[in-house]
């Protein structure tokens, strides 16, 4: 498949990820559910806990994510807070090496900023009481600034040990955001980004996204703050390891982060080599948007689904 065709497929899949009217149809199709199980740890909390136990046995850490973005009503946001409080309690009970990731649209950001802050604060307060950590996920560029504003509010109250942010290297603003957040000692997960964005805010070319990733990675590693370098791209991993070696950083100065079900071999090898590795473990019934974004990262996976659909 050509690069242009790949880009077209990616754009189409990202568009479909936002079509909530297709979700019910897609999630009833067995091939979609089969492939989704590669990327999603299950629909229930206990299925996710079992997945994380298996990761822990291999020397890996985890970050749980309950999938339910773009919540539209206050009662739904309260349900999300309850889910995260149960999750934090379960992490303590089981004793796995894990924290949690939280999207602010789960907390009400699309309709009430103050409610989103209030709900996120409840989760971070509980995590702080447990000496745990909440990663506030980044979403589409339309909410980048307000997300960082809320992270700053939470960080000022709870500190770097208990709350952090995510930056995406495909956004043109990210290098400056990285400098600012590092100066404030806010922990960052650096990833490439997986949403459909226009050329006014995002780099269209993969080479530019990669170059920005490396620039931002160096900013993070120079900051003296414990950050997460989130990538499955071996070139980005090699660049990170090479820069860390040049700067004489110990292996525990930062961690690598990867997605559940992607490059398990690489996850385990890095852990065996003594590098901290955290796996992002999503679970829940509302897995369709997340799954479509994973398909968009590797459109060839779509042909697996199509072949199985044609087989009936």
Protein backbone atom coordinates (compact mmCIF):
# COMPACT_ATOMS: atom_id res chain seq x y z
CA UNK A 1 0.00 0.00 0.00
CA UNK A 2 1.36 3.43 -0.87
CA UNK A 3 2.06 6.14 1.67
CA UNK A 4 -0.78 8.22 0.21
CA UNK A 5 -3.17 5.27 0.51
CA UNK A 6 -2.05 4.67 4.09
CA UNK A 7 -2.76 8.28 4.94
CA UNK A 8 -6.18 8.11 3.29
CA UNK A 9 -7.03 4.93 5.19
CA UNK A 10 -5.85 6.48 8.46
CA UNK A 11 -7.93 9.61 7.92
CA UNK A 12 -10.99 7.53 7.07
CA UNK A 13 -10.61 5.35 10.16
CA UNK A 14 -10.11 8.36 12.42
CA UNK A 15 -13.25 9.90 10.93
CA UNK A 16 -15.18 6.69 11.61
CA UNK A 17 -13.90 6.64 15.20
CA UNK A 18 -15.98 9.77 15.81
CA UNK A 19 -19.21 8.38 14.32
CA UNK A 20 -21.10 7.25 17.38
CA UNK A 21 -24.00 6.03 15.22
CA UNK A 22 -21.75 3.27 13.83
CA UNK A 23 -20.58 2.07 17.22
CA UNK A 24 -23.50 -0.25 17.96
CA UNK A 25 -23.27 -1.90 14.55
CA UNK A 26 -19.50 -2.37 14.68
CA UNK A 27 -19.40 -3.73 18.21
CA UNK A 28 -21.87 -6.48 17.26
CA UNK A 29 -19.57 -7.80 14.53
CA UNK A 30 -17.54 -10.76 15.74
CA UNK A 31 -14.38 -9.96 13.68
CA UNK A 32 -14.27 -6.47 15.16
CA UNK A 33 -14.63 -7.85 18.67
CA UNK A 34 -11.95 -10.49 18.01
CA UNK A 35 -9.42 -7.96 16.82
CA UNK A 36 -10.40 -5.49 19.54
CA UNK A 37 -9.52 -8.09 22.18
CA UNK A 38 -5.90 -7.74 21.09
CA UNK A 39 -5.87 -4.07 22.12
CA UNK A 40 -8.41 -4.05 24.98
CA UNK A 41 -8.00 -5.97 28.22
CA UNK A 42 -11.71 -6.72 28.57
CA UNK A 43 -15.00 -5.03 29.34
CA UNK A 44 -14.88 -5.45 33.12
CA UNK A 45 -12.54 -4.25 35.84
CA UNK A 46 -11.67 -7.78 36.89
CA UNK A 47 -10.69 -8.73 33.33
CA UNK A 48 -8.35 -5.75 33.29
CA UNK A 49 -6.92 -6.68 36.70
CA UNK A 50 -6.17 -10.18 35.44
CA UNK A 51 -4.38 -8.70 32.41
CA UNK A 52 -2.28 -6.47 34.65
CA UNK A 53 -1.39 -9.38 36.94
CA UNK A 54 0.03 -11.14 33.88
CA UNK A 55 2.03 -8.04 32.94
CA UNK A 56 3.35 -7.70 36.49
CA UNK A 57 4.57 -11.30 36.38
CA UNK A 58 6.73 -10.29 33.39
CA UNK A 59 8.27 -7.33 35.18
CA UNK A 60 6.05 -4.70 33.57
CA UNK A 61 4.10 -1.86 35.17
CA UNK A 62 0.67 -0.70 34.01
CA UNK A 63 -1.68 2.24 33.71
CA UNK A 64 -5.38 1.37 33.77
CA UNK A 65 -7.76 3.33 31.55
CA UNK A 66 -11.53 2.93 31.77
CA UNK A 67 -12.80 3.58 28.25
CA UNK A 68 -15.69 6.03 28.09
CA UNK A 69 -14.70 9.32 26.47
CA UNK A 70 -16.93 12.24 25.54
CA UNK A 71 -19.41 11.74 28.41
CA UNK A 72 -22.40 14.05 27.96
CA UNK A 73 -24.26 14.22 31.30
CA UNK A 74 -23.42 14.87 34.97
CA UNK A 75 -24.75 11.47 36.16
CA UNK A 76 -22.43 9.71 33.70
CA UNK A 77 -19.46 11.65 35.01
CA UNK A 78 -20.31 10.61 38.56
CA UNK A 79 -20.36 6.99 37.42
CA UNK A 80 -16.90 7.47 35.93
CA UNK A 81 -15.56 8.86 39.20
CA UNK A 82 -17.00 5.88 41.07
CA UNK A 83 -15.36 3.53 38.57
CA UNK A 84 -11.97 5.15 39.14
CA UNK A 85 -12.33 5.08 42.91
CA UNK A 86 -13.12 1.36 42.70
CA UNK A 87 -10.16 0.92 40.39
CA UNK A 88 -7.72 2.67 42.72
CA UNK A 89 -8.98 0.60 45.64
CA UNK A 90 -8.61 -2.61 43.61
CA UNK A 91 -5.01 -1.72 42.68
CA UNK A 92 -4.22 -1.45 46.38
CA UNK A 93 -5.99 -4.73 47.17
CA UNK A 94 -4.23 -6.70 44.44
CA UNK A 95 -0.84 -5.06 44.93
CA UNK A 96 0.06 -4.69 41.25
CA UNK A 97 2.48 -2.00 40.06
CA UNK A 98 -0.06 0.25 38.41
CA UNK A 99 -1.60 3.70 38.31
CA UNK A 100 -4.51 5.15 36.32
CA UNK A 101 -5.09 7.27 33.22
CA UNK A 102 -8.11 9.57 33.03
CA UNK A 103 -9.66 11.57 30.18
CA UNK A 104 -11.23 14.88 31.14
CA UNK A 105 -14.09 14.33 28.71
CA UNK A 106 -15.02 11.45 31.02
CA UNK A 107 -15.31 14.04 33.75
CA UNK A 108 -17.60 16.45 31.88
CA UNK A 109 -15.16 18.70 30.05
CA UNK A 110 -17.35 18.92 26.92
CA UNK A 111 -20.11 20.71 28.79
CA UNK A 112 -18.82 21.98 32.16
CA UNK A 113 -15.17 22.82 32.86
CA UNK A 114 -15.73 23.27 36.59
CA UNK A 115 -17.46 19.91 36.86
CA UNK A 116 -14.57 18.29 34.99
CA UNK A 117 -12.08 19.81 37.42
CA UNK A 118 -14.20 18.78 40.40
CA UNK A 119 -14.48 15.18 39.18
CA UNK A 120 -10.80 14.89 38.24
CA UNK A 121 -9.87 16.36 41.61
CA UNK A 122 -11.87 13.64 43.40
CA UNK A 123 -9.90 10.96 41.57
CA UNK A 124 -6.51 12.62 42.14
CA UNK A 125 -7.30 13.21 45.83
CA UNK A 126 -8.05 9.52 46.30
CA UNK A 127 -4.89 8.56 44.40
CA UNK A 128 -2.87 10.93 46.59
CA UNK A 129 -4.26 9.37 49.74
CA UNK A 130 -3.11 6.01 48.39
CA UNK A 131 0.28 7.44 47.30
CA UNK A 132 -0.65 6.64 43.70
CA UNK A 133 -0.63 8.64 40.46
CA UNK A 134 -3.16 9.86 37.87
CA UNK A 135 -2.14 10.56 34.29
CA UNK A 136 -4.53 13.05 32.70
CA UNK A 137 -4.79 11.90 29.09
CA UNK A 138 -4.63 14.26 26.14
CA UNK A 139 -7.40 14.25 23.57
CA UNK A 140 -8.15 16.34 20.48
CA UNK A 141 -6.41 19.68 19.96
CA UNK A 142 -9.65 21.57 20.67
CA UNK A 143 -9.24 20.68 24.36
CA UNK A 144 -5.45 20.76 24.63
CA UNK A 145 -5.21 24.12 26.38
CA UNK A 146 -8.05 23.55 28.84
CA UNK A 147 -6.66 20.09 29.63
CA UNK A 148 -3.25 21.55 30.47
CA UNK A 149 -4.90 24.31 32.51
CA UNK A 150 -6.71 21.71 34.62
CA UNK A 151 -3.55 19.63 35.02
CA UNK A 152 -1.81 22.75 36.31
CA UNK A 153 -4.63 23.34 38.80
CA UNK A 154 -4.35 19.77 40.06
CA UNK A 155 -0.57 19.86 40.12
CA UNK A 156 -0.54 23.01 42.23
CA UNK A 157 -2.61 21.20 44.84
CA UNK A 158 -1.31 17.62 44.70
CA UNK A 159 2.23 17.87 43.27
CA UNK A 160 4.28 15.96 40.73
CA UNK A 161 4.10 12.62 42.55
CA UNK A 162 0.36 12.36 42.04
CA UNK A 163 -0.70 13.94 38.75
CA UNK A 164 0.79 14.39 35.28
CA UNK A 165 0.01 15.29 31.68
CA UNK A 166 0.31 13.92 28.15
CA UNK A 167 1.82 15.72 25.15
CA UNK A 168 1.52 14.69 21.52
CA UNK A 169 4.44 15.29 19.16
CA UNK A 170 2.25 15.70 16.08
CA UNK A 171 0.98 19.04 17.46
CA UNK A 172 3.05 22.06 16.49
CA UNK A 173 2.66 23.62 19.94
CA UNK A 174 4.09 20.65 21.83
CA UNK A 175 7.75 21.70 22.00
CA UNK A 176 6.82 24.91 23.80
CA UNK A 177 4.36 23.04 26.03
CA UNK A 178 7.10 20.57 26.95
CA UNK A 179 9.47 23.38 27.96
CA UNK A 180 6.80 25.06 30.07
CA UNK A 181 5.57 21.91 31.83
CA UNK A 182 9.10 20.73 32.58
CA UNK A 183 9.91 24.12 34.12
CA UNK A 184 6.88 23.59 36.39
CA UNK A 185 8.03 20.01 37.18
CA UNK A 186 4.92 18.40 35.74
CA UNK A 187 5.42 14.79 34.71
CA UNK A 188 4.73 14.15 31.02
CA UNK A 189 3.88 11.16 28.89
CA UNK A 190 5.22 11.97 25.41
CA UNK A 191 3.48 10.19 22.52
CA UNK A 192 2.98 10.88 18.82
CA UNK A 193 -0.81 11.41 18.86
CA UNK A 194 -3.76 9.52 17.40
CA UNK A 195 -6.50 12.01 16.53
CA UNK A 196 -7.53 13.55 13.22
CA UNK A 197 -6.07 17.08 13.12
CA UNK A 198 -5.64 19.74 10.44
CA UNK A 199 -2.30 21.05 9.12
CA UNK A 200 -2.86 24.33 10.93
CA UNK A 201 -2.24 22.66 14.30
CA UNK A 202 -0.49 19.37 13.47
CA UNK A 203 2.46 18.27 11.35
CA UNK A 204 1.09 16.42 8.29
CA UNK A 205 4.36 14.59 7.55
CA UNK A 206 5.49 11.67 9.70
CA UNK A 207 9.12 12.81 9.41
CA UNK A 208 8.19 16.10 11.10
CA UNK A 209 6.22 14.30 13.82
CA UNK A 210 9.22 12.06 14.51
CA UNK A 211 11.65 14.99 14.54
CA UNK A 212 9.45 16.83 17.03
CA UNK A 213 9.22 13.69 19.16
CA UNK A 214 13.01 13.58 19.41
CA UNK A 215 13.26 17.29 20.24
CA UNK A 216 10.65 16.97 22.97
CA UNK A 217 12.16 13.74 24.31
CA UNK A 218 15.46 15.56 24.85
CA UNK A 219 13.67 18.37 26.69
CA UNK A 220 12.03 15.83 28.98
CA UNK A 221 15.20 13.87 29.69
CA UNK A 222 17.14 17.06 30.47
CA UNK A 223 14.53 18.27 32.96
CA UNK A 224 15.33 16.07 35.96
CA UNK A 225 11.64 15.09 36.19
CA UNK A 226 10.47 11.48 35.87
CA UNK A 227 8.69 11.24 32.51
CA UNK A 228 7.23 8.56 30.25
CA UNK A 229 8.49 8.10 26.68
CA UNK A 230 5.53 6.45 24.94
CA UNK A 231 6.37 4.81 21.62
CA UNK A 232 6.55 1.46 19.82
CA UNK A 233 8.81 2.93 17.15
CA UNK A 234 12.22 1.31 17.55
CA UNK A 235 13.89 4.34 15.95
CA UNK A 236 12.42 6.58 18.64
CA UNK A 237 13.42 4.09 21.34
CA UNK A 238 16.98 3.92 20.00
CA UNK A 239 17.15 7.72 19.86
CA UNK A 240 15.96 7.89 23.48
CA UNK A 241 18.46 5.31 24.69
CA UNK A 242 21.30 6.99 22.79
CA UNK A 243 20.49 10.41 24.23
CA UNK A 244 20.10 9.01 27.76
CA UNK A 245 23.53 7.38 27.43
CA UNK A 246 25.12 10.63 26.22
CA UNK A 247 23.59 12.46 29.18
CA UNK A 248 24.72 9.68 31.57
CA UNK A 249 21.19 9.10 32.82
CA UNK A 250 20.52 5.97 34.89
CA UNK A 251 17.95 3.50 33.61
CA UNK A 252 15.44 4.54 36.25
CA UNK A 253 15.49 8.22 35.30
CA UNK A 254 12.47 7.75 33.01
CA UNK A 255 10.20 4.99 31.79
CA UNK A 256 9.10 3.68 28.44
CA UNK A 257 5.36 3.36 27.89
CA UNK A 258 3.53 1.21 25.36
CA UNK A 259 -0.01 0.15 24.53
CA UNK A 260 -1.57 -3.12 25.60
CA UNK A 261 -1.24 -5.75 22.88
CA UNK A 262 1.31 -3.89 20.76
CA UNK A 263 4.95 -5.02 20.54
CA UNK A 264 4.79 -7.30 23.54
CA UNK A 265 8.18 -8.65 22.56
CA UNK A 266 9.70 -5.18 22.75
CA UNK A 267 8.00 -4.44 26.07
CA UNK A 268 9.44 -7.56 27.65
CA UNK A 269 12.91 -7.10 26.17
CA UNK A 270 13.22 -3.54 27.45
CA UNK A 271 12.12 -4.69 30.90
CA UNK A 272 14.66 -7.53 30.83
CA UNK A 273 17.32 -4.97 29.94
CA UNK A 274 16.51 -3.09 33.13
CA UNK A 275 14.39 -0.25 31.76
CA UNK A 276 11.12 0.63 33.54
CA UNK A 277 8.25 -0.17 31.15
CA UNK A 278 4.60 0.73 31.72
CA UNK A 279 1.79 -0.71 29.61
CA UNK A 280 -1.36 1.33 29.00
CA UNK A 281 -4.23 -1.08 29.73
CA UNK A 282 -7.67 0.03 28.46
CA UNK A 283 -10.87 -1.74 29.41
CA UNK A 284 -14.62 -1.15 29.35
CA UNK A 285 -17.69 -1.47 27.16
CA UNK A 286 -17.12 1.77 25.26
CA UNK A 287 -14.10 0.53 23.33
CA UNK A 288 -15.12 1.48 19.78
CA UNK A 289 -13.39 4.93 19.44
CA UNK A 290 -10.18 3.67 21.00
CA UNK A 291 -10.17 0.57 18.80
CA UNK A 292 -10.69 2.60 15.62
CA UNK A 293 -7.74 4.82 16.51
CA UNK A 294 -5.59 1.71 16.91
CA UNK A 295 -6.74 0.52 13.47
CA UNK A 296 -5.81 3.92 12.08
CA UNK A 297 -2.26 3.51 13.37
CA UNK A 298 -1.95 0.33 11.32
CA UNK A 299 -4.60 0.23 8.58
CA UNK A 300 -3.48 -3.25 7.52
CA UNK A 301 -5.40 -4.52 10.57
CA UNK A 302 -8.57 -3.45 8.79
CA UNK A 303 -8.05 -6.15 6.16
CA UNK A 304 -8.17 -8.78 8.92
CA UNK A 305 -11.64 -7.53 9.80
CA UNK A 306 -12.80 -7.34 6.18
CA UNK A 307 -11.60 -10.87 5.32
CA UNK A 308 -13.45 -12.31 8.28
CA UNK A 309 -16.60 -10.38 7.46
CA UNK A 310 -16.57 -11.76 3.91
CA UNK A 311 -16.18 -15.28 5.27
CA UNK A 312 -19.42 -14.72 7.13
